[in-house]
């Protein structure tokens, strides 16, 4: 499978791979620690980068749902009341 080949290349320490997708099926082959989310700041339009594995609420969600399901539910990019942090599970 393509994902296992990419993972092997990255884990060898010899390369870095950047993949962009909206596919929940592809995301389900990964863990939160493999993901970096890129979104636009709603006020400035500047890109923001976020590692879901560093977000306690998302880590809790990931105990019940795979990354593809979290994406499909809108939880990976769902914002809390302050517009910056994910809502609580």
Protein backbone atom coordinates (compact mmCIF):
# COMPACT_ATOMS: atom_id res chain seq x y z
CA UNK A 1 0.00 0.00 0.00
CA UNK A 2 1.19 3.51 -0.76
CA UNK A 3 0.86 4.71 2.83
CA UNK A 4 3.12 1.94 4.14
CA UNK A 5 5.76 2.86 1.54
CA UNK A 6 5.58 6.52 2.50
CA UNK A 7 5.73 5.65 6.21
CA UNK A 8 8.81 3.44 5.63
CA UNK A 9 10.58 6.22 3.74
CA UNK A 10 9.86 8.76 6.47
CA UNK A 11 10.77 6.43 9.35
CA UNK A 12 14.11 5.67 7.72
CA UNK A 13 15.03 9.29 8.46
CA UNK A 14 16.19 9.87 4.92
CA UNK A 15 13.24 11.87 3.64
CA UNK A 16 10.24 13.99 4.50
CA UNK A 17 6.90 13.66 2.73
CA UNK A 18 4.17 16.27 2.57
CA UNK A 19 0.76 15.06 1.45
CA UNK A 20 -2.39 17.10 1.21
CA UNK A 21 -5.77 15.40 1.29
CA UNK A 22 -9.43 15.73 2.13
CA UNK A 23 -9.83 11.95 2.03
CA UNK A 24 -11.08 10.46 5.30
CA UNK A 25 -9.95 7.05 4.01
CA UNK A 26 -6.35 8.23 3.70
CA UNK A 27 -6.49 9.95 7.08
CA UNK A 28 -7.69 6.71 8.67
CA UNK A 29 -4.33 5.15 7.75
CA UNK A 30 -2.56 7.67 9.99
CA UNK A 31 -2.54 8.68 13.63
CA UNK A 32 -2.93 12.20 14.99
CA UNK A 33 0.84 12.31 15.52
CA UNK A 34 1.34 12.06 11.75
CA UNK A 35 -0.85 15.07 10.98
CA UNK A 36 -0.24 18.80 10.67
CA UNK A 37 -3.37 20.77 9.85
CA UNK A 38 -3.15 23.94 7.79
CA UNK A 39 -6.03 26.38 8.00
CA UNK A 40 -6.53 30.05 7.23
CA UNK A 41 -6.91 32.50 10.07
CA UNK A 42 -10.45 33.89 9.67
CA UNK A 43 -9.35 37.45 10.43
CA UNK A 44 -6.02 37.81 8.63
CA UNK A 45 -6.27 35.05 6.05
CA UNK A 46 -2.76 33.92 7.02
CA UNK A 47 -2.13 30.17 7.16
CA UNK A 48 -1.99 28.58 10.59
CA UNK A 49 -0.37 25.23 11.36
CA UNK A 50 -1.61 22.91 14.08
CA UNK A 51 -0.55 19.46 15.29
CA UNK A 52 -3.70 17.65 16.43
CA UNK A 53 -1.66 15.33 18.69
CA UNK A 54 -0.81 18.37 20.85
CA UNK A 55 -4.47 19.17 21.47
CA UNK A 56 -5.85 17.42 24.57
CA UNK A 57 -9.47 17.56 23.38
CA UNK A 58 -8.60 16.00 20.01
CA UNK A 59 -6.54 13.29 21.69
CA UNK A 60 -9.63 12.41 23.74
CA UNK A 61 -11.80 12.34 20.60
CA UNK A 62 -9.19 10.11 18.91
CA UNK A 63 -9.70 7.45 21.57
CA UNK A 64 -13.15 6.86 20.06
CA UNK A 65 -12.73 7.91 16.42
CA UNK A 66 -10.07 7.54 13.71
CA UNK A 67 -8.64 10.70 12.11
CA UNK A 68 -10.81 10.27 9.00
CA UNK A 69 -13.95 10.14 11.12
CA UNK A 70 -12.80 13.19 13.08
CA UNK A 71 -12.28 15.03 9.80
CA UNK A 72 -15.68 13.95 8.44
CA UNK A 73 -17.37 15.10 11.66
CA UNK A 74 -15.61 18.47 11.44
CA UNK A 75 -13.85 17.86 14.74
CA UNK A 76 -10.29 18.28 13.45
CA UNK A 77 -10.98 21.87 12.44
CA UNK A 78 -13.91 22.67 14.69
CA UNK A 79 -13.29 25.84 16.68
CA UNK A 80 -14.29 26.56 20.23
CA UNK A 81 -15.98 29.73 21.40
CA UNK A 82 -12.74 31.72 21.25
CA UNK A 83 -12.37 30.81 17.55
CA UNK A 84 -8.96 29.29 18.14
CA UNK A 85 -9.28 26.08 20.13
CA UNK A 86 -11.30 22.96 19.35
CA UNK A 87 -14.56 22.46 21.16
CA UNK A 88 -14.57 19.93 23.98
CA UNK A 89 -15.64 16.37 23.09
